[in-house]
Amino acid sequence: MTPYEEWAQRHPHAAGELACILTPATATDAGESEARAQQRARLTIAQQGAYAFRNNVGATPSRCPDCNGPQRVVRYGLANDSQRLNERIKSSDLILAIPRVITTAMAGTTIAQFGAVEVKRPGWTFTGKGREAGQQAWLALVAKAGGFATFSTGEVTL
């Protein structure tokens, strides 16, 4: 493990902020939408041999179709078990499975490292306010557990 990786494990929030600072949008990205940045991120992730899945998070009222019973809220997306939890932590737009070859101890076995990418429109800068605080909390949790976690305005380097 490199000295930076050791530091990042001890300070995941600071490592996330540093990643945001070091990942500026390019001049050609000006005015591009977050949806387009997400497609670019998914393409660069796939080109590196990993898998990226869209993680839609939300809640919607629902009634039983057979009995038209009382309305219930159906929640979906990772880390969205309750409204209270969703107020504190917000899972990322993209969830990744990154193939990693394990060395000697596991004799060349490949595992899938968990990853999370929170996509923002090009030109975005980290403020740490509102939803960003919950998104950063999710990325810090993933990084602390040994996963890949970052904000992105387009390309992603695994």
C-alpha atoms as a PDB file:
ATOM      1  CA  MET A   1       0.000   0.000   0.000  1.00  0.00           C
ATOM      2  CA  THR A   2       1.362   3.419  -0.943  1.00  0.00           C
ATOM      3  CA  PRO A   3       1.693   6.215   1.648  1.00  0.00           C
ATOM      4  CA  TYR A   4      -1.165   8.054  -0.094  1.00  0.00           C
ATOM      5  CA  GLU A   5      -3.449   4.984   0.132  1.00  0.00           C
ATOM      6  CA  GLU A   6      -2.659   4.650   3.855  1.00  0.00           C
ATOM      7  CA  TRP A   7      -3.449   8.332   4.364  1.00  0.00           C
ATOM      8  CA  ALA A   8      -6.665   8.065   2.305  1.00  0.00           C
ATOM      9  CA  GLN A   9      -7.873   5.158   4.451  1.00  0.00           C
ATOM     10  CA  ARG A  10      -7.295   7.186   7.624  1.00  0.00           C
ATOM     11  CA  HIS A  11      -8.884  10.334   6.151  1.00  0.00           C
ATOM     12  CA  PRO A  12     -11.566   9.291   3.604  1.00  0.00           C
ATOM     13  CA  HIS A  13     -13.419  12.632   3.727  1.00  0.00           C
ATOM     14  CA  ALA A  14     -10.241  14.596   2.999  1.00  0.00           C
ATOM     15  CA  ALA A  15      -9.289  12.130   0.259  1.00  0.00           C
ATOM     16  CA  GLY A  16     -12.704  12.667  -1.357  1.00  0.00           C
ATOM     17  CA  GLU A  17     -12.291  16.434  -1.281  1.00  0.00           C
ATOM     18  CA  LEU A  18      -8.795  16.127  -2.731  1.00  0.00           C
ATOM     19  CA  ALA A  19     -10.155  13.961  -5.552  1.00  0.00           C
ATOM     20  CA  CYS A  20     -12.755  16.649  -6.307  1.00  0.00           C
ATOM     21  CA  ILE A  21     -10.105  19.351  -6.430  1.00  0.00           C
ATOM     22  CA  LEU A  22      -7.865  17.295  -8.715  1.00  0.00           C
ATOM     23  CA  THR A  23     -10.668  16.357 -11.159  1.00  0.00           C
ATOM     24  CA  PRO A  24     -11.565  19.602 -12.960  1.00  0.00           C
ATOM     25  CA  ALA A  25     -13.828  19.711 -15.992  1.00  0.00           C
ATOM     26  CA  THR A  26     -12.057  20.316 -19.282  1.00  0.00           C
ATOM     27  CA  ALA A  27     -12.737  23.440 -21.326  1.00  0.00           C
ATOM     28  CA  THR A  28     -14.594  21.414 -23.990  1.00  0.00           C
ATOM     29  CA  ASP A  29     -17.108  20.254 -21.345  1.00  0.00           C
ATOM     30  CA  ALA A  30     -18.565  23.714 -20.690  1.00  0.00           C
ATOM     31  CA  GLY A  31     -22.356  23.660 -20.742  1.00  0.00           C
ATOM     32  CA  GLU A  32     -22.578  19.864 -20.933  1.00  0.00           C
ATOM     33  CA  SER A  33     -25.345  18.143 -18.950  1.00  0.00           C
ATOM     34  CA  GLU A  34     -24.887  15.756 -16.045  1.00  0.00           C
ATOM     35  CA  ALA A  35     -26.583  13.020 -18.114  1.00  0.00           C
ATOM     36  CA  ARG A  36     -23.952  13.390 -20.839  1.00  0.00           C
ATOM     37  CA  ALA A  37     -21.155  13.377 -18.239  1.00  0.00           C
ATOM     38  CA  GLN A  38     -22.618  10.178 -16.801  1.00  0.00           C
ATOM     39  CA  GLN A  39     -22.605   8.478 -20.203  1.00  0.00           C
ATOM     40  CA  ARG A  40     -18.976   9.528 -20.682  1.00  0.00           C
ATOM     41  CA  ALA A  41     -18.123   8.148 -17.224  1.00  0.00           C
ATOM     42  CA  ARG A  42     -19.843   4.823 -18.006  1.00  0.00           C
ATOM     43  CA  LEU A  43     -17.969   4.565 -21.299  1.00  0.00           C
ATOM     44  CA  THR A  44     -14.544   5.180 -19.737  1.00  0.00           C
ATOM     45  CA  ILE A  45     -15.328   2.721 -16.919  1.00  0.00           C
ATOM     46  CA  ALA A  46     -16.300   0.030 -19.476  1.00  0.00           C
ATOM     47  CA  GLN A  47     -13.168   0.721 -21.524  1.00  0.00           C
ATOM     48  CA  GLN A  48     -11.144  -0.149 -18.405  1.00  0.00           C
ATOM     49  CA  GLY A  49     -12.925  -3.514 -18.045  1.00  0.00           C
ATOM     50  CA  ALA A  50     -15.231  -2.618 -15.160  1.00  0.00           C
ATOM     51  CA  TYR A  51     -19.017  -2.609 -14.909  1.00  0.00           C
ATOM     52  CA  ALA A  52     -21.097   0.468 -14.012  1.00  0.00           C
ATOM     53  CA  PHE A  53     -24.754   0.252 -13.054  1.00  0.00           C
ATOM     54  CA  ARG A  54     -27.148   3.188 -12.674  1.00  0.00           C
ATOM     55  CA  ASN A  55     -28.426   3.526  -9.117  1.00  0.00           C
ATOM     56  CA  ASN A  56     -31.735   5.375  -9.079  1.00  0.00           C
ATOM     57  CA  VAL A  57     -32.684   6.440  -5.553  1.00  0.00           C
ATOM     58  CA  GLY A  58     -36.083   7.664  -4.445  1.00  0.00           C
ATOM     59  CA  ALA A  59     -39.478   6.855  -3.011  1.00  0.00           C
ATOM     60  CA  THR A  60     -42.970   6.697  -4.436  1.00  0.00           C
ATOM     61  CA  PRO A  61     -46.425   6.135  -2.946  1.00  0.00           C
ATOM     62  CA  SER A  62     -48.055   2.849  -3.875  1.00  0.00           C
ATOM     63  CA  ARG A  63     -51.404   1.114  -3.352  1.00  0.00           C
ATOM     64  CA  CYS A  64     -52.114  -2.611  -3.376  1.00  0.00           C
ATOM     65  CA  PRO A  65     -53.449  -3.298  -6.917  1.00  0.00           C
ATOM     66  CA  ASP A  66     -55.757  -6.096  -5.700  1.00  0.00           C
ATOM     67  CA  CYS A  67     -57.349  -4.484  -2.678  1.00  0.00           C
ATOM     68  CA  ASN A  68     -56.674  -0.771  -3.187  1.00  0.00           C
ATOM     69  CA  GLY A  69     -55.553  -0.789   0.452  1.00  0.00           C
ATOM     70  CA  PRO A  70     -53.802   2.006   2.293  1.00  0.00           C
ATOM     71  CA  GLN A  71     -51.059   3.866   0.513  1.00  0.00           C
ATOM     72  CA  ARG A  72     -47.493   2.832   1.369  1.00  0.00           C
ATOM     73  CA  VAL A  73     -44.198   4.377   0.381  1.00  0.00           C
ATOM     74  CA  VAL A  74     -41.943   2.158  -1.710  1.00  0.00           C
ATOM     75  CA  ARG A  75     -38.270   3.136  -1.380  1.00  0.00           C
ATOM     76  CA  TYR A  76     -35.636   2.148  -3.935  1.00  0.00           C
ATOM     77  CA  GLY A  77     -31.886   2.556  -4.416  1.00  0.00           C
ATOM     78  CA  LEU A  78     -28.929   1.731  -2.189  1.00  0.00           C
ATOM     79  CA  ALA A  79     -28.778   3.145   1.357  1.00  0.00           C
ATOM     80  CA  ASN A  80     -32.384   4.330   1.115  1.00  0.00           C
ATOM     81  CA  ASP A  81     -33.929   2.125   3.794  1.00  0.00           C
ATOM     82  CA  SER A  82     -35.687   5.069   5.411  1.00  0.00           C
ATOM     83  CA  GLN A  83     -36.203   8.795   4.944  1.00  0.00           C
ATOM     84  CA  ARG A  84     -34.038   9.407   8.008  1.00  0.00           C
ATOM     85  CA  LEU A  85     -31.115   7.420   6.582  1.00  0.00           C
ATOM     86  CA  ASN A  86     -31.502   9.086   3.180  1.00  0.00           C
ATOM     87  CA  GLU A  87     -31.187  12.496   4.818  1.00  0.00           C
ATOM     88  CA  ARG A  88     -27.717  11.552   6.153  1.00  0.00           C
ATOM     89  CA  ILE A  89     -26.223   9.422   3.385  1.00  0.00           C
ATOM     90  CA  LYS A  90     -26.919   9.406  -0.352  1.00  0.00           C
ATOM     91  CA  SER A  91     -25.638   6.567  -2.494  1.00  0.00           C
ATOM     92  CA  SER A  92     -23.924   7.394  -5.775  1.00  0.00           C
ATOM     93  CA  ASP A  93     -25.297   7.621  -9.307  1.00  0.00           C
ATOM     94  CA  LEU A  94     -23.135   4.741 -10.499  1.00  0.00           C
ATOM     95  CA  ILE A  95     -22.320   1.510  -8.661  1.00  0.00           C
ATOM     96  CA  LEU A  96     -19.309  -0.377  -9.979  1.00  0.00           C
ATOM     97  CA  ALA A  97     -17.888  -3.870  -9.995  1.00  0.00           C
ATOM     98  CA  ILE A  98     -14.171  -3.529 -10.789  1.00  0.00           C
ATOM     99  CA  PRO A  99     -12.284  -6.731 -11.661  1.00  0.00           C
ATOM    100  CA  ARG A 100      -9.076  -6.892  -9.638  1.00  0.00           C
ATOM    101  CA  VAL A 101      -6.495  -9.657  -9.851  1.00  0.00           C
ATOM    102  CA  ILE A 102      -5.389 -10.803  -6.422  1.00  0.00           C
ATOM    103  CA  THR A 103      -1.721 -11.628  -6.013  1.00  0.00           C
ATOM    104  CA  THR A 104       0.196 -14.462  -4.377  1.00  0.00           C
ATOM    105  CA  ALA A 105      -2.013 -15.303  -1.394  1.00  0.00           C
ATOM    106  CA  MET A 106      -5.034 -15.928  -3.617  1.00  0.00           C
ATOM    107  CA  ALA A 107      -3.000 -17.347  -6.521  1.00  0.00           C
ATOM    108  CA  GLY A 108      -4.183 -15.041  -9.300  1.00  0.00           C
ATOM    109  CA  THR A 109      -7.890 -15.124  -8.456  1.00  0.00           C
ATOM    110  CA  THR A 110      -9.918 -12.194  -9.763  1.00  0.00           C
ATOM    111  CA  ILE A 111     -12.348 -10.434  -7.419  1.00  0.00           C
ATOM    112  CA  ALA A 112     -14.799  -7.623  -8.021  1.00  0.00           C
ATOM    113  CA  GLN A 113     -13.988  -4.503  -6.024  1.00  0.00           C
ATOM    114  CA  PHE A 114     -17.044  -2.451  -5.087  1.00  0.00           C
ATOM    115  CA  GLY A 115     -17.070   1.078  -6.448  1.00  0.00           C
ATOM    116  CA  ALA A 116     -19.224   4.195  -6.433  1.00  0.00           C
ATOM    117  CA  VAL A 117     -19.142   7.261  -8.692  1.00  0.00           C
ATOM    118  CA  GLU A 118     -21.198  10.377  -8.011  1.00  0.00           C
ATOM    119  CA  VAL A 119     -21.551  12.171 -11.345  1.00  0.00           C
ATOM    120  CA  LYS A 120     -21.831  15.944 -11.559  1.00  0.00           C
ATOM    121  CA  ARG A 121     -22.199  18.273 -14.522  1.00  0.00           C
ATOM    122  CA  PRO A 122     -18.954  19.597 -15.973  1.00  0.00           C
ATOM    123  CA  GLY A 123     -17.836  22.788 -14.290  1.00  0.00           C
ATOM    124  CA  TRP A 124     -19.185  21.673 -10.902  1.00  0.00           C
ATOM    125  CA  THR A 125     -17.142  22.409  -7.782  1.00  0.00           C
ATOM    126  CA  PHE A 126     -17.469  20.724  -4.382  1.00  0.00           C
ATOM    127  CA  THR A 127     -19.145  22.823  -1.662  1.00  0.00           C
ATOM    128  CA  GLY A 128     -19.968  20.156   0.934  1.00  0.00           C
ATOM    129  CA  LYS A 129     -23.447  21.643   1.403  1.00  0.00           C
ATOM    130  CA  GLY A 130     -26.895  20.084   1.001  1.00  0.00           C
ATOM    131  CA  ARG A 131     -26.979  16.799  -0.903  1.00  0.00           C
ATOM    132  CA  GLU A 132     -23.202  16.901  -1.400  1.00  0.00           C
ATOM    133  CA  ALA A 133     -22.633  16.235   2.319  1.00  0.00           C
ATOM    134  CA  GLY A 134     -24.678  13.024   2.124  1.00  0.00           C
ATOM    135  CA  GLN A 135     -23.023  12.033  -1.153  1.00  0.00           C
ATOM    136  CA  GLN A 136     -19.577  12.590   0.372  1.00  0.00           C
ATOM    137  CA  ALA A 137     -20.604  10.500   3.415  1.00  0.00           C
ATOM    138  CA  TRP A 138     -21.455   7.594   1.072  1.00  0.00           C
ATOM    139  CA  LEU A 139     -18.164   7.922  -0.824  1.00  0.00           C
ATOM    140  CA  ALA A 140     -16.239   8.027   2.472  1.00  0.00           C
ATOM    141  CA  LEU A 141     -18.013   4.856   3.643  1.00  0.00           C
ATOM    142  CA  VAL A 142     -17.140   3.033   0.409  1.00  0.00           C
ATOM    143  CA  ALA A 143     -13.498   4.212   0.523  1.00  0.00           C
ATOM    144  CA  LYS A 144     -13.114   3.246   4.190  1.00  0.00           C
ATOM    145  CA  ALA A 145     -14.289  -0.286   3.342  1.00  0.00           C
ATOM    146  CA  GLY A 146     -11.631  -0.555   0.606  1.00  0.00           C
ATOM    147  CA  GLY A 147     -13.831   0.331  -2.351  1.00  0.00           C
ATOM    148  CA  PHE A 148     -13.265   2.788  -5.182  1.00  0.00           C
ATOM    149  CA  ALA A 149     -15.122   6.063  -4.553  1.00  0.00           C
ATOM    150  CA  THR A 150     -15.058   9.400  -6.356  1.00  0.00           C
ATOM    151  CA  PHE A 151     -16.981  12.374  -7.678  1.00  0.00           C
ATOM    152  CA  SER A 152     -16.719  12.764 -11.473  1.00  0.00           C
ATOM    153  CA  THR A 153     -17.612  15.276 -14.148  1.00  0.00           C
ATOM    154  CA  GLY A 154     -17.011  12.778 -16.956  1.00  0.00           C
ATOM    155  CA  GLU A 155     -14.099  10.417 -17.446  1.00  0.00           C
ATOM    156  CA  VAL A 156     -13.208   8.059 -14.588  1.00  0.00           C
ATOM    157  CA  THR A 157      -9.768   6.520 -14.078  1.00  0.00           C
ATOM    158  CA  LEU A 158      -9.946   3.373 -11.991  1.00  0.00           C
END
